[in-house]
């Protein structure tokens, strides 16, 4: 029951960002306060390392979820558009027609325009989870996980830039300025990466749905 806890998804989205947030956050705190537990002390102490990993998971889970919720809210309309058949199949009209026919047949949908329905993709996703093998599901989820990783990387990367500036020896004002400038470029880049992976995620769901139906009918 618990053999897959923590899962690869947990490690990618929560543990890794959490470790980076705690590491750089503690390093920055120690720099300004010149006291407290140092990162070197944690890495050389097994008990502190274990506690640190557990704490990193909790911190990573909370902060990553907050960042993902904010991203989904800000980009809500864009994500709804990405989920539609119109958007995912805009470059392949023949595949689009075949997909619509399959969806209407499998889910017994009559007389409904489903091309702009952003919820249809979840019908297909549930179908895939019921029919596809584990490898296919992992392949599809990979893009969604990488999208979430891009979103949850904003704070860890920001802290890393901040910490690096302090180690170089820049003044507080210079460090703040460089960090703000980095954020101006960082947020649009990570947002674009997240959207691209989410776009691939929805496209892969529809592709896998078609493949599964071909295999079933052959």
Protein backbone atom coordinates (compact mmCIF):
# COMPACT_ATOMS: atom_id res chain seq x y z
CA UNK A 1 0.00 0.00 0.00
CA UNK A 2 2.78 2.41 0.93
CA UNK A 3 5.50 1.19 -1.43
CA UNK A 4 5.15 4.26 -3.67
CA UNK A 5 5.14 6.86 -0.87
CA UNK A 6 6.80 9.23 -1.44
CA UNK A 7 6.21 8.97 -5.17
CA UNK A 8 8.40 10.41 -7.89
CA UNK A 9 5.85 13.22 -8.24
CA UNK A 10 6.21 14.07 -4.54
CA UNK A 11 9.99 14.14 -4.88
CA UNK A 12 9.96 16.34 -7.98
CA UNK A 13 7.31 18.85 -6.93
CA UNK A 14 7.66 18.97 -3.16
CA UNK A 15 10.88 17.47 -1.79
CA UNK A 16 13.34 19.06 -4.22
CA UNK A 17 11.91 22.62 -4.00
CA UNK A 18 11.52 22.18 -0.24
CA UNK A 19 15.16 21.19 0.24
CA UNK A 20 16.31 24.16 -1.84
CA UNK A 21 14.03 26.59 0.00
CA UNK A 22 15.20 25.35 3.41
CA UNK A 23 18.87 25.25 2.40
CA UNK A 24 19.08 28.70 0.84
CA UNK A 25 16.65 30.18 3.37
CA UNK A 26 18.75 28.92 6.28
CA UNK A 27 21.93 30.12 4.59
CA UNK A 28 20.49 33.62 4.08
CA UNK A 29 19.15 33.72 7.65
CA UNK A 30 22.52 32.66 9.05
CA UNK A 31 24.26 35.35 6.99
CA UNK A 32 22.14 38.17 8.41
CA UNK A 33 21.96 36.85 11.97
CA UNK A 34 25.48 35.36 12.12
CA UNK A 35 24.10 32.66 14.42
CA UNK A 36 21.90 29.60 14.51
CA UNK A 37 22.26 26.25 12.76
CA UNK A 38 24.51 26.28 9.72
CA UNK A 39 23.81 24.20 6.62
CA UNK A 40 27.14 22.40 7.08
CA UNK A 41 26.08 21.25 10.55
CA UNK A 42 22.92 19.68 9.16
CA UNK A 43 24.66 17.83 6.33
CA UNK A 44 27.16 16.21 8.72
CA UNK A 45 24.55 15.15 11.30
CA UNK A 46 22.36 12.16 10.37
CA UNK A 47 19.57 13.08 12.78
CA UNK A 48 19.43 16.69 11.63
CA UNK A 49 19.61 15.55 8.00
CA UNK A 50 16.60 13.24 8.48
CA UNK A 51 14.60 15.95 10.25
CA UNK A 52 15.67 18.40 7.55
CA UNK A 53 14.34 16.16 4.77
CA UNK A 54 10.98 15.73 6.53
CA UNK A 55 10.76 19.47 7.17
CA UNK A 56 11.75 20.15 3.56
CA UNK A 57 8.87 17.98 2.35
CA UNK A 58 6.36 19.88 4.50
CA UNK A 59 7.75 23.27 3.50
CA UNK A 60 7.94 22.25 -0.15
CA UNK A 61 4.39 20.88 -0.11
CA UNK A 62 2.88 24.04 1.38
CA UNK A 63 4.86 26.58 -0.65
CA UNK A 64 4.63 24.64 -3.92
CA UNK A 65 0.86 24.28 -3.54
CA UNK A 66 0.52 28.00 -2.88
CA UNK A 67 2.53 28.81 -6.02
CA UNK A 68 0.54 26.31 -8.11
CA UNK A 69 -2.79 27.67 -6.84
CA UNK A 70 -1.73 31.24 -7.66
CA UNK A 71 -0.51 30.18 -11.12
CA UNK A 72 -3.73 28.30 -11.90
CA UNK A 73 -5.82 31.27 -10.79
CA UNK A 74 -3.84 33.84 -12.79
CA UNK A 75 -3.73 31.64 -15.89
CA UNK A 76 -7.20 30.17 -15.46
CA UNK A 77 -8.59 31.34 -18.82
CA UNK A 78 -5.44 30.33 -20.69
CA UNK A 79 -5.47 26.85 -19.16
CA UNK A 80 -9.16 26.42 -20.00
CA UNK A 81 -8.36 27.25 -23.61
CA UNK A 82 -5.41 24.82 -23.68
CA UNK A 83 -7.67 21.97 -22.54
CA UNK A 84 -10.09 22.24 -25.45
CA UNK A 85 -10.07 20.09 -28.57
CA UNK A 86 -9.99 23.25 -30.68
CA UNK A 87 -6.66 24.29 -29.17
CA UNK A 88 -4.95 20.91 -28.87
CA UNK A 89 -5.84 19.88 -32.43
CA UNK A 90 -5.64 23.25 -34.18
CA UNK A 91 -2.82 22.03 -36.43
CA UNK A 92 -4.43 18.73 -37.40
CA UNK A 93 -8.03 19.01 -38.59
CA UNK A 94 -8.24 15.37 -39.63
CA UNK A 95 -7.17 14.17 -36.21
CA UNK A 96 -9.55 16.67 -34.63
CA UNK A 97 -12.48 15.23 -36.58
CA UNK A 98 -11.53 11.68 -35.65
CA UNK A 99 -11.13 12.63 -31.99
CA UNK A 100 -14.56 14.26 -31.83
CA UNK A 101 -16.18 11.19 -33.40
CA UNK A 102 -14.45 8.88 -30.92
CA UNK A 103 -15.36 10.96 -27.88
CA UNK A 104 -19.02 11.20 -28.89
CA UNK A 105 -19.13 7.46 -29.55
CA UNK A 106 -17.30 6.31 -26.39
CA UNK A 107 -19.08 8.66 -23.98
CA UNK A 108 -22.41 8.60 -25.88
CA UNK A 109 -22.58 12.35 -26.34
CA UNK A 110 -25.22 13.42 -28.86
CA UNK A 111 -25.91 16.80 -30.39
CA UNK A 112 -23.36 18.70 -28.34
CA UNK A 113 -20.57 20.96 -29.52
CA UNK A 114 -17.60 19.60 -27.58
CA UNK A 115 -14.81 21.39 -29.44
CA UNK A 116 -14.67 24.26 -26.94
CA UNK A 117 -15.60 22.24 -23.86
CA UNK A 118 -12.64 22.42 -21.47
CA UNK A 119 -13.94 19.51 -19.35
CA UNK A 120 -13.94 16.86 -22.10
CA UNK A 121 -10.23 16.26 -21.60
CA UNK A 122 -10.96 14.91 -18.10
CA UNK A 123 -13.40 12.38 -19.56
CA UNK A 124 -10.54 11.12 -21.70
CA UNK A 125 -8.11 11.20 -18.78
CA UNK A 126 -10.38 9.03 -16.63
CA UNK A 127 -10.80 6.64 -19.56
CA UNK A 128 -7.02 6.37 -19.90
CA UNK A 129 -6.53 5.74 -16.17
CA UNK A 130 -9.03 2.89 -16.39
CA UNK A 131 -7.67 1.36 -19.61
CA UNK A 132 -3.98 2.20 -20.02
CA UNK A 133 -1.02 0.47 -18.43
CA UNK A 134 1.14 2.13 -15.79
CA UNK A 135 3.88 3.15 -18.24
CA UNK A 136 1.42 5.07 -20.41
CA UNK A 137 0.01 6.88 -17.40
CA UNK A 138 3.49 7.81 -16.17
CA UNK A 139 4.34 9.15 -19.63
CA UNK A 140 1.25 11.37 -19.65
CA UNK A 141 1.70 12.57 -16.05
CA UNK A 142 5.33 13.49 -16.71
CA UNK A 143 4.43 16.69 -18.57
CA UNK A 144 1.98 17.71 -15.86
CA UNK A 145 4.60 17.09 -13.16
CA UNK A 146 7.23 19.11 -15.03
CA UNK A 147 4.73 21.94 -15.45
CA UNK A 148 4.15 21.95 -11.69
CA UNK A 149 7.91 21.84 -11.08
CA UNK A 150 8.40 24.94 -13.23
CA UNK A 151 5.77 26.78 -11.20
CA UNK A 152 7.15 25.63 -7.84
CA UNK A 153 10.71 26.65 -8.83
CA UNK A 154 10.09 30.40 -8.59
CA UNK A 155 10.89 30.77 -4.88
CA UNK A 156 13.81 28.27 -4.73
CA UNK A 157 15.56 29.90 -7.70
CA UNK A 158 14.95 33.37 -6.24
CA UNK A 159 16.50 32.34 -2.92
CA UNK A 160 19.41 30.73 -4.79
CA UNK A 161 20.12 34.01 -6.62
CA UNK A 162 19.85 35.95 -3.37
CA UNK A 163 22.19 33.56 -1.56
CA UNK A 164 24.73 33.61 -4.41
CA UNK A 165 24.85 37.41 -4.32
CA UNK A 166 25.52 37.35 -0.59
CA UNK A 167 28.33 34.83 -1.04
CA UNK A 168 29.91 36.98 -3.75
CA UNK A 169 29.90 39.85 -1.28
CA UNK A 170 27.48 42.33 -2.83
CA UNK A 171 25.86 44.93 -0.59
CA UNK A 172 22.28 44.50 0.61
CA UNK A 173 20.95 47.09 -1.84
CA UNK A 174 22.83 45.54 -4.78
CA UNK A 175 21.65 42.06 -3.78
CA UNK A 176 18.04 43.27 -3.59
CA UNK A 177 18.30 44.99 -6.97
CA UNK A 178 19.80 41.97 -8.71
CA UNK A 179 17.19 39.66 -7.16
CA UNK A 180 14.31 41.88 -8.30
CA UNK A 181 15.74 42.13 -11.83
CA UNK A 182 16.19 38.35 -11.91
CA UNK A 183 12.56 37.90 -10.88
CA UNK A 184 11.39 40.15 -13.71
CA UNK A 185 12.99 37.74 -16.20
CA UNK A 186 12.53 34.54 -14.19
CA UNK A 187 8.74 34.60 -13.68
CA UNK A 188 7.81 34.98 -17.41
CA UNK A 189 10.32 32.28 -18.39
CA UNK A 190 9.09 29.74 -15.82
CA UNK A 191 5.48 30.63 -16.64
CA UNK A 192 6.10 29.96 -20.33
CA UNK A 193 7.79 26.64 -19.50
CA UNK A 194 4.87 25.64 -17.26
CA UNK A 195 2.31 26.47 -19.95
CA UNK A 196 4.26 24.60 -22.64
CA UNK A 197 4.40 21.44 -20.51
CA UNK A 198 0.72 21.78 -19.60
CA UNK A 199 -0.08 22.12 -23.31
CA UNK A 200 1.82 18.91 -24.05
CA UNK A 201 0.01 17.22 -21.15
CA UNK A 202 -3.44 17.89 -22.63
CA UNK A 203 -2.31 16.94 -26.13
CA UNK A 204 -0.90 13.64 -24.86
CA UNK A 205 -4.18 12.81 -23.13
CA UNK A 206 -6.11 13.10 -26.39
CA UNK A 207 -3.42 11.21 -28.34
CA UNK A 208 -3.40 8.37 -25.83
CA UNK A 209 -7.21 8.26 -25.91
CA UNK A 210 -7.13 7.76 -29.67
CA UNK A 211 -4.41 5.10 -29.44
CA UNK A 212 -6.29 3.15 -26.78
CA UNK A 213 -9.47 3.15 -28.86
CA UNK A 214 -7.58 1.99 -31.95
CA UNK A 215 -6.07 -0.86 -29.94
CA UNK A 216 -9.48 -1.81 -28.54
CA UNK A 217 -11.16 -1.80 -31.94
CA UNK A 218 -8.39 -3.62 -33.83
